[in-house]
C-alpha atoms as a PDB file:
ATOM      1  CA  UNK A   1      67.528 104.882 101.207  1.00  0.00           C
ATOM      2  CA  UNK A   2      69.986 101.997 101.191  1.00  0.00           C
ATOM      3  CA  UNK A   3      70.506 100.355 104.184  1.00  0.00           C
ATOM      4  CA  UNK A   4      74.220 101.385 105.973  1.00  0.00           C
ATOM      5  CA  UNK A   5      77.122  98.558 104.999  1.00  0.00           C
ATOM      6  CA  UNK A   6      80.394  98.202 106.358  1.00  0.00           C
ATOM      7  CA  UNK A   7      82.897  96.299 103.906  1.00  0.00           C
ATOM      8  CA  UNK A   8      85.995  95.545 105.769  1.00  0.00           C
ATOM      9  CA  UNK A   9      88.856  95.758 103.289  1.00  0.00           C
ATOM     10  CA  UNK A  10      91.257  92.578 102.857  1.00  0.00           C
ATOM     11  CA  UNK A  11      94.324  94.511 102.039  1.00  0.00           C
ATOM     12  CA  UNK A  12      94.359  95.338 106.142  1.00  0.00           C
ATOM     13  CA  UNK A  13      94.008  91.606 106.894  1.00  0.00           C
ATOM     14  CA  UNK A  14      96.848  89.073 107.503  1.00  0.00           C
ATOM     15  CA  UNK A  15      98.016  88.099 103.903  1.00  0.00           C
ATOM     16  CA  UNK A  16      99.223  84.908 105.272  1.00  0.00           C
ATOM     17  CA  UNK A  17      95.839  84.036 106.628  1.00  0.00           C
ATOM     18  CA  UNK A  18      93.269  85.644 104.265  1.00  0.00           C
ATOM     19  CA  UNK A  19      90.741  83.181 105.007  1.00  0.00           C
ATOM     20  CA  UNK A  20      91.041  83.733 108.740  1.00  0.00           C
ATOM     21  CA  UNK A  21      90.080  87.251 107.394  1.00  0.00           C
ATOM     22  CA  UNK A  22      86.698  86.485 105.710  1.00  0.00           C
ATOM     23  CA  UNK A  23      85.835  84.495 108.617  1.00  0.00           C
ATOM     24  CA  UNK A  24      86.503  87.722 111.049  1.00  0.00           C
ATOM     25  CA  UNK A  25      84.217  89.744 108.828  1.00  0.00           C
ATOM     26  CA  UNK A  26      81.516  86.834 108.713  1.00  0.00           C
ATOM     27  CA  UNK A  27      81.579  86.761 112.539  1.00  0.00           C
ATOM     28  CA  UNK A  28      81.231  90.478 112.746  1.00  0.00           C
ATOM     29  CA  UNK A  29      77.982  89.838 111.215  1.00  0.00           C
ATOM     30  CA  UNK A  30      78.768  91.819 108.019  1.00  0.00           C
ATOM     31  CA  UNK A  31      77.721  91.049 104.292  1.00  0.00           C
ATOM     32  CA  UNK A  32      80.265  92.945 102.400  1.00  0.00           C
ATOM     33  CA  UNK A  33      84.272  92.270 101.822  1.00  0.00           C
ATOM     34  CA  UNK A  34      86.361  95.135  99.780  1.00  0.00           C
ATOM     35  CA  UNK A  35      88.860  93.683  97.684  1.00  0.00           C
ATOM     36  CA  UNK A  36      91.484  96.322  96.473  1.00  0.00           C
ATOM     37  CA  UNK A  37      93.225  95.082  93.124  1.00  0.00           C
ATOM     38  CA  UNK A  38      96.514  97.412  92.064  1.00  0.00           C
ATOM     39  CA  UNK A  39      98.458  96.586  89.328  1.00  0.00           C
ATOM     40  CA  UNK A  40     101.751  98.848  90.385  1.00  0.00           C
ATOM     41  CA  UNK A  41     101.206 101.399  87.642  1.00  0.00           C
ATOM     42  CA  UNK A  42      97.999 103.166  87.917  1.00  0.00           C
ATOM     43  CA  UNK A  43      98.358 102.681  92.024  1.00  0.00           C
ATOM     44  CA  UNK A  44     101.821 102.217  93.564  1.00  0.00           C
ATOM     45  CA  UNK A  45     101.457  98.875  94.898  1.00  0.00           C
ATOM     46  CA  UNK A  46     100.556  95.108  93.924  1.00  0.00           C
ATOM     47  CA  UNK A  47      98.149  93.346  95.810  1.00  0.00           C
ATOM     48  CA  UNK A  48      95.612  90.272  94.660  1.00  0.00           C
ATOM     49  CA  UNK A  49      95.106  88.500  91.395  1.00  0.00           C
ATOM     50  CA  UNK A  50      91.926  86.443  90.157  1.00  0.00           C
ATOM     51  CA  UNK A  51      93.486  83.413  91.523  1.00  0.00           C
ATOM     52  CA  UNK A  52      93.414  84.960  94.927  1.00  0.00           C
ATOM     53  CA  UNK A  53      89.533  86.156  95.046  1.00  0.00           C
ATOM     54  CA  UNK A  54      88.976  82.237  93.100  1.00  0.00           C
ATOM     55  CA  UNK A  55      90.413  80.752  96.209  1.00  0.00           C
ATOM     56  CA  UNK A  56      88.647  82.894  98.717  1.00  0.00           C
ATOM     57  CA  UNK A  57      85.061  82.763  96.857  1.00  0.00           C
ATOM     58  CA  UNK A  58      85.184  79.086  97.634  1.00  0.00           C
ATOM     59  CA  UNK A  59      85.603  79.802 101.434  1.00  0.00           C
ATOM     60  CA  UNK A  60      82.716  82.297 101.470  1.00  0.00           C
ATOM     61  CA  UNK A  61      79.472  83.809 100.657  1.00  0.00           C
ATOM     62  CA  UNK A  62      80.280  87.334 101.162  1.00  0.00           C
ATOM     63  CA  UNK A  63      79.396  89.788  98.532  1.00  0.00           C
ATOM     64  CA  UNK A  64      82.837  90.643  96.903  1.00  0.00           C
ATOM     65  CA  UNK A  65      83.213  94.373  96.349  1.00  0.00           C
ATOM     66  CA  UNK A  66      86.231  94.217  93.937  1.00  0.00           C
ATOM     67  CA  UNK A  67      87.654  97.566  93.470  1.00  0.00           C
ATOM     68  CA  UNK A  68      90.182  97.567  90.347  1.00  0.00           C
ATOM     69  CA  UNK A  69      93.028 100.272  90.464  1.00  0.00           C
ATOM     70  CA  UNK A  70      94.247  99.330  86.835  1.00  0.00           C
ATOM     71  CA  UNK A  71      95.773 101.309  84.200  1.00  0.00           C
ATOM     72  CA  UNK A  72      93.729  99.243  81.849  1.00  0.00           C
ATOM     73  CA  UNK A  73      91.181  97.281  83.706  1.00  0.00           C
ATOM     74  CA  UNK A  74      89.109  95.830  80.533  1.00  0.00           C
ATOM     75  CA  UNK A  75      91.331  92.622  79.847  1.00  0.00           C
ATOM     76  CA  UNK A  76      90.947  91.473  83.347  1.00  0.00           C
ATOM     77  CA  UNK A  77      87.474  92.270  83.995  1.00  0.00           C
ATOM     78  CA  UNK A  78      86.379  88.414  82.840  1.00  0.00           C
ATOM     79  CA  UNK A  79      89.048  86.725  85.089  1.00  0.00           C
ATOM     80  CA  UNK A  80      87.665  88.784  88.280  1.00  0.00           C
ATOM     81  CA  UNK A  81      83.721  88.107  87.083  1.00  0.00           C
ATOM     82  CA  UNK A  82      84.594  84.358  86.932  1.00  0.00           C
ATOM     83  CA  UNK A  83      86.601  84.625  89.861  1.00  0.00           C
ATOM     84  CA  UNK A  84      83.753  85.337  91.908  1.00  0.00           C
ATOM     85  CA  UNK A  85      83.558  89.193  92.288  1.00  0.00           C
ATOM     86  CA  UNK A  86      79.817  90.383  93.061  1.00  0.00           C
ATOM     87  CA  UNK A  87      80.545  94.026  91.971  1.00  0.00           C
ATOM     88  CA  UNK A  88      83.438  95.554  90.088  1.00  0.00           C
ATOM     89  CA  UNK A  89      84.118  99.141  90.137  1.00  0.00           C
ATOM     90  CA  UNK A  90      86.748 101.089  87.467  1.00  0.00           C
ATOM     91  CA  UNK A  91      88.435 104.321  88.042  1.00  0.00           C
ATOM     92  CA  UNK A  92      87.207 107.414  86.037  1.00  0.00           C
ATOM     93  CA  UNK A  93      91.016 108.671  85.789  1.00  0.00           C
ATOM     94  CA  UNK A  94      92.924 106.287  83.273  1.00  0.00           C
ATOM     95  CA  UNK A  95      92.548 106.651  79.452  1.00  0.00           C
ATOM     96  CA  UNK A  96      90.184 103.797  78.676  1.00  0.00           C
ATOM     97  CA  UNK A  97      86.850 103.287  77.399  1.00  0.00           C
ATOM     98  CA  UNK A  98      84.708 103.274  80.784  1.00  0.00           C
ATOM     99  CA  UNK A  99      81.336 103.249  79.040  1.00  0.00           C
ATOM    100  CA  UNK A 100      82.458 100.225  77.681  1.00  0.00           C
ATOM    101  CA  UNK A 101      83.920  98.714  80.684  1.00  0.00           C
ATOM    102  CA  UNK A 102      80.927  99.097  82.425  1.00  0.00           C
ATOM    103  CA  UNK A 103      78.990  97.431  80.175  1.00  0.00           C
ATOM    104  CA  UNK A 104      80.872  94.283  80.013  1.00  0.00           C
ATOM    105  CA  UNK A 105      80.992  94.274  83.445  1.00  0.00           C
ATOM    106  CA  UNK A 106      77.152  94.388  83.707  1.00  0.00           C
ATOM    107  CA  UNK A 107      77.110  91.524  80.653  1.00  0.00           C
ATOM    108  CA  UNK A 108      79.447  89.314  82.766  1.00  0.00           C
ATOM    109  CA  UNK A 109      76.808  89.315  85.742  1.00  0.00           C
ATOM    110  CA  UNK A 110      78.183  91.660  87.869  1.00  0.00           C
ATOM    111  CA  UNK A 111      77.153  94.695  89.706  1.00  0.00           C
ATOM    112  CA  UNK A 112      79.306  98.084  88.616  1.00  0.00           C
ATOM    113  CA  UNK A 113      80.856 100.826  90.415  1.00  0.00           C
ATOM    114  CA  UNK A 114      82.792 103.985  89.481  1.00  0.00           C
ATOM    115  CA  UNK A 115      85.556 105.412  91.110  1.00  0.00           C
ATOM    116  CA  UNK A 116      86.795 109.001  91.921  1.00  0.00           C
ATOM    117  CA  UNK A 117      90.234 109.632  93.554  1.00  0.00           C
ATOM    118  CA  UNK A 118      90.656 112.550  95.833  1.00  0.00           C
ATOM    119  CA  UNK A 119      91.857 115.241  93.588  1.00  0.00           C
ATOM    120  CA  UNK A 120      89.789 114.645  90.805  1.00  0.00           C
ATOM    121  CA  UNK A 121      86.793 116.980  90.202  1.00  0.00           C
ATOM    122  CA  UNK A 122      83.544 115.287  90.882  1.00  0.00           C
ATOM    123  CA  UNK A 123      81.842 116.300  87.634  1.00  0.00           C
ATOM    124  CA  UNK A 124      84.035 113.761  85.986  1.00  0.00           C
ATOM    125  CA  UNK A 125      81.781 110.870  87.106  1.00  0.00           C
ATOM    126  CA  UNK A 126      78.316 112.749  86.740  1.00  0.00           C
ATOM    127  CA  UNK A 127      77.765 110.941  83.025  1.00  0.00           C
ATOM    128  CA  UNK A 128      77.953 107.524  84.612  1.00  0.00           C
ATOM    129  CA  UNK A 129      75.522 107.665  87.267  1.00  0.00           C
ATOM    130  CA  UNK A 130      72.649 106.271  85.391  1.00  0.00           C
ATOM    131  CA  UNK A 131      74.692 102.906  84.585  1.00  0.00           C
ATOM    132  CA  UNK A 132      76.362 102.427  88.203  1.00  0.00           C
ATOM    133  CA  UNK A 133      75.089 100.314  90.981  1.00  0.00           C
ATOM    134  CA  UNK A 134      77.696 102.393  93.219  1.00  0.00           C
ATOM    135  CA  UNK A 135      79.951 105.423  93.244  1.00  0.00           C
ATOM    136  CA  UNK A 136      83.043 104.757  95.242  1.00  0.00           C
ATOM    137  CA  UNK A 137      84.935 108.165  96.503  1.00  0.00           C
ATOM    138  CA  UNK A 138      88.506 107.791  97.622  1.00  0.00           C
ATOM    139  CA  UNK A 139      89.208 110.067 101.083  1.00  0.00           C
ATOM    140  CA  UNK A 140      92.946 108.969 100.272  1.00  0.00           C
ATOM    141  CA  UNK A 141      95.199 108.464  97.121  1.00  0.00           C
ATOM    142  CA  UNK A 142      95.145 104.754  96.568  1.00  0.00           C
ATOM    143  CA  UNK A 143      97.875 102.610  97.157  1.00  0.00           C
ATOM    144  CA  UNK A 144      98.624 101.651 100.773  1.00  0.00           C
ATOM    145  CA  UNK A 145      96.446 101.259 103.823  1.00  0.00           C
ATOM    146  CA  UNK A 146      97.072 103.225 106.902  1.00  0.00           C
ATOM    147  CA  UNK A 147      96.517 106.797 105.258  1.00  0.00           C
ATOM    148  CA  UNK A 148      94.767 109.880 106.790  1.00  0.00           C
ATOM    149  CA  UNK A 149      91.174 110.585 105.891  1.00  0.00           C
ATOM    150  CA  UNK A 150      90.951 113.620 103.475  1.00  0.00           C
ATOM    151  CA  UNK A 151      87.992 115.599 104.962  1.00  0.00           C
ATOM    152  CA  UNK A 152      88.181 117.963 101.571  1.00  0.00           C
ATOM    153  CA  UNK A 153      86.428 115.003 100.142  1.00  0.00           C
ATOM    154  CA  UNK A 154      83.179 115.384 102.090  1.00  0.00           C
ATOM    155  CA  UNK A 155      81.633 118.176 100.157  1.00  0.00           C
ATOM    156  CA  UNK A 156      82.355 115.858  96.931  1.00  0.00           C
ATOM    157  CA  UNK A 157      80.292 113.234  98.690  1.00  0.00           C
ATOM    158  CA  UNK A 158      77.559 115.516  99.436  1.00  0.00           C
ATOM    159  CA  UNK A 159      77.380 116.701  95.829  1.00  0.00           C
ATOM    160  CA  UNK A 160      76.983 112.924  94.277  1.00  0.00           C
ATOM    161  CA  UNK A 161      74.403 112.474  97.264  1.00  0.00           C
ATOM    162  CA  UNK A 162      72.358 115.507  96.031  1.00  0.00           C
ATOM    163  CA  UNK A 163      72.921 114.168  92.090  1.00  0.00           C
ATOM    164  CA  UNK A 164      71.329 110.930  93.336  1.00  0.00           C
ATOM    165  CA  UNK A 165      68.512 112.491  94.808  1.00  0.00           C
ATOM    166  CA  UNK A 166      67.202 114.785  91.972  1.00  0.00           C
ATOM    167  CA  UNK A 167      67.893 111.918  89.464  1.00  0.00           C
ATOM    168  CA  UNK A 168      65.848 109.719  91.419  1.00  0.00           C
ATOM    169  CA  UNK A 169      68.825 107.091  91.338  1.00  0.00           C
ATOM    170  CA  UNK A 170      69.399 104.323  93.593  1.00  0.00           C
ATOM    171  CA  UNK A 171      73.494 103.441  93.486  1.00  0.00           C
ATOM    172  CA  UNK A 172      75.175 103.183  96.608  1.00  0.00           C
ATOM    173  CA  UNK A 173      77.554 105.864  97.592  1.00  0.00           C
ATOM    174  CA  UNK A 174      81.059 104.023  99.154  1.00  0.00           C
ATOM    175  CA  UNK A 175      83.957 105.599 100.882  1.00  0.00           C
ATOM    176  CA  UNK A 176      87.360 104.140 101.284  1.00  0.00           C
ATOM    177  CA  UNK A 177      90.616 105.606 103.061  1.00  0.00           C
ATOM    178  CA  UNK A 178      90.799 106.449 106.614  1.00  0.00           C
ATOM    179  CA  UNK A 179      87.524 105.304 107.937  1.00  0.00           C
ATOM    180  CA  UNK A 180      87.315 105.067 111.627  1.00  0.00           C
ATOM    181  CA  UNK A 181      85.124 105.921 114.491  1.00  0.00           C
ATOM    182  CA  UNK A 182      85.723 109.386 114.081  1.00  0.00           C
ATOM    183  CA  UNK A 183      85.218 109.753 110.221  1.00  0.00           C
ATOM    184  CA  UNK A 184      82.655 107.016 109.959  1.00  0.00           C
ATOM    185  CA  UNK A 185      79.926 109.586 110.938  1.00  0.00           C
ATOM    186  CA  UNK A 186      81.325 112.402 108.683  1.00  0.00           C
ATOM    187  CA  UNK A 187      80.991 110.592 105.856  1.00  0.00           C
ATOM    188  CA  UNK A 188      77.319 109.238 106.942  1.00  0.00           C
ATOM    189  CA  UNK A 189      76.047 112.723 107.435  1.00  0.00           C
ATOM    190  CA  UNK A 190      77.420 113.675 104.014  1.00  0.00           C
ATOM    191  CA  UNK A 191      75.495 111.076 102.551  1.00  0.00           C
ATOM    192  CA  UNK A 192      77.485 107.950 102.455  1.00  0.00           C
ATOM    193  CA  UNK A 193      75.699 104.462 102.917  1.00  0.00           C
ATOM    194  CA  UNK A 194      78.802 102.257 102.419  1.00  0.00           C
ATOM    195  CA  UNK A 195      81.937 102.615 104.102  1.00  0.00           C
ATOM    196  CA  UNK A 196      85.074 100.705 103.579  1.00  0.00           C
ATOM    197  CA  UNK A 197      87.684 100.275 106.607  1.00  0.00           C
ATOM    198  CA  UNK A 198      90.515  98.446 106.685  1.00  0.00           C
ATOM    199  CA  UNK A 199      93.050  99.115 109.239  1.00  0.00           C
ATOM    200  CA  UNK A 200      90.221 100.325 111.474  1.00  0.00           C
ATOM    201  CA  UNK A 201      88.584  96.907 111.341  1.00  0.00           C
ATOM    202  CA  UNK A 202      91.265  94.327 111.566  1.00  0.00           C
ATOM    203  CA  UNK A 203      93.772  95.877 113.791  1.00  0.00           C
ATOM    204  CA  UNK A 204      93.538  93.990 117.384  1.00  0.00           C
ATOM    205  CA  UNK A 205      91.299  97.056 119.175  1.00  0.00           C
ATOM    206  CA  UNK A 206      88.716  99.329 118.217  1.00  0.00           C
ATOM    207  CA  UNK A 207      86.590  97.252 116.039  1.00  0.00           C
ATOM    208  CA  UNK A 208      83.490  97.523 118.249  1.00  0.00           C
ATOM    209  CA  UNK A 209      83.670 101.281 118.231  1.00  0.00           C
ATOM    210  CA  UNK A 210      84.128 101.043 114.520  1.00  0.00           C
ATOM    211  CA  UNK A 211      81.029  98.940 114.225  1.00  0.00           C
ATOM    212  CA  UNK A 212      78.952 101.035 116.579  1.00  0.00           C
ATOM    213  CA  UNK A 213      79.972 104.303 114.507  1.00  0.00           C
ATOM    214  CA  UNK A 214      78.607 102.606 111.181  1.00  0.00           C
ATOM    215  CA  UNK A 215      75.809 100.520 111.986  1.00  0.00           C
ATOM    216  CA  UNK A 216      74.791 101.829 115.469  1.00  0.00           C
END
């Protein structure tokens, strides 16, 4: 059993004071920071580049959980690894060689992750389960924070949890999108052990309720 983790999403922090967001995560006693990278093509938004990750790495020893929402992440794997990413996740949906990309991520010294969008059949990621350290199931469509949680993804979480147990694998099951004090217990009950929360963590009120819902 993996210990339960909460990974606040940098996307919801104050972009004018990102270093302050790191401090908030550390002061909450958390170990992971989720970093959403979007290219404006695969996901309809632009966020952070490797330079931002490198600048933040100088300020923190947090585990940087870097989520690449890119049409073709392969050319940027080395820059994000060298910037200080601890784990790099790639999506199953775009047309590139995911197997080669996962191998490259590991070669670069980072942990590996595979990501599934809400409308993608869960079977798409099954061939990669033995090659990853983390499976990320999106419970919103990638692009923007603050979207509503899609409960139709819960059976997919349960299915990945079942596959993990059957194969005796140890990868983490992460959920991202609309995670708050109400939805976090649903994800944990379905088999997730790592939850990404943006708005619910960085908004002025409600953080304690979120921490209690996820970590007890």
